[in-house]
């Protein structure tokens, strides 16, 4: 607060270096940080990458639905939208992994195969790994952030540009500050994005928060410990009341994708939950899964 009369640093420091050390906790962080760019939430970076991508077709990941900001941006830039079931390769292929809202997940070998199978030569691939850090203390090993050589080689051999996007508002609970990042395939890609990015898009408070959060190992240790336990306990509690409902998502994700089997029931569940102050979201609009709700994982002691 006592420095808010200053402009944010144009080089996004010290938050950027702290995030780079968090993503790559070895000697590679300094070199890799040159391909890292921070943004005013992931939404700004989604728009920047889509704006610079080759025009033509856009295709989502292999899941029946996923986070819609990518598709919204593609529509705004007049891309032809292909269904996720299309056998065509696209100028932009986009996957949210783990998938928000379905909770489905591709391990690293399957993810790399999907990239090659769905992107045209010279195309862009946007991989959203915002929920990936919940995986475990070893999340980096099953993530594209550990595959810098693979990403560079793919670009050099086929011209496919892979961008790894994170929304840090999820893991570190700072939605109001707006904080995201993109790891570009090369330094040149990062410089191209930086040239068209609005100056000072990441504010001073967000940079200070990032510097602190990226160095808070105790918070993540607690997150990895309690999320699977709380998730299971929450599912068990809901199953006790509604045994015919179906529950989806990997054990480590921080929400539960629930099929209530009834559109009317889903709508009522959302309405009553909102009145009670419980974080439950509808499977519509946007996702068009009318019988589904999305339940956030919280301390089960807060359950009725």
Foldseek 3Di string as FASTA:
>chain_A
DVPQVDFQDQVLPPLLLLVLCLLPVDPCSVVQSLQKDKFQFLLLVLLLVLVPFDAEAEEEALDLFADCSNVVSNVVVPYHYDYNPDQEATLEYEYEAVGPPQQDHDFQVRVVVRLVRHHAQLHEYEYECQQQLLVAPVSSVRDCSVVLVVQLVCCVPRVYKYKYKHGPCVVLVPNVQGMMMIRTNDSVVSVSSSVPDDGSRRGPVNSVVSSVVSPPVVSSVVLNPCQLVLVVVVVVVVCVVQVPKDWGHDSRGFKIKIQSVDLVVQVVVVVVCVVVVFDKAACDDPNPRRRIIMHGRDRCVPPD
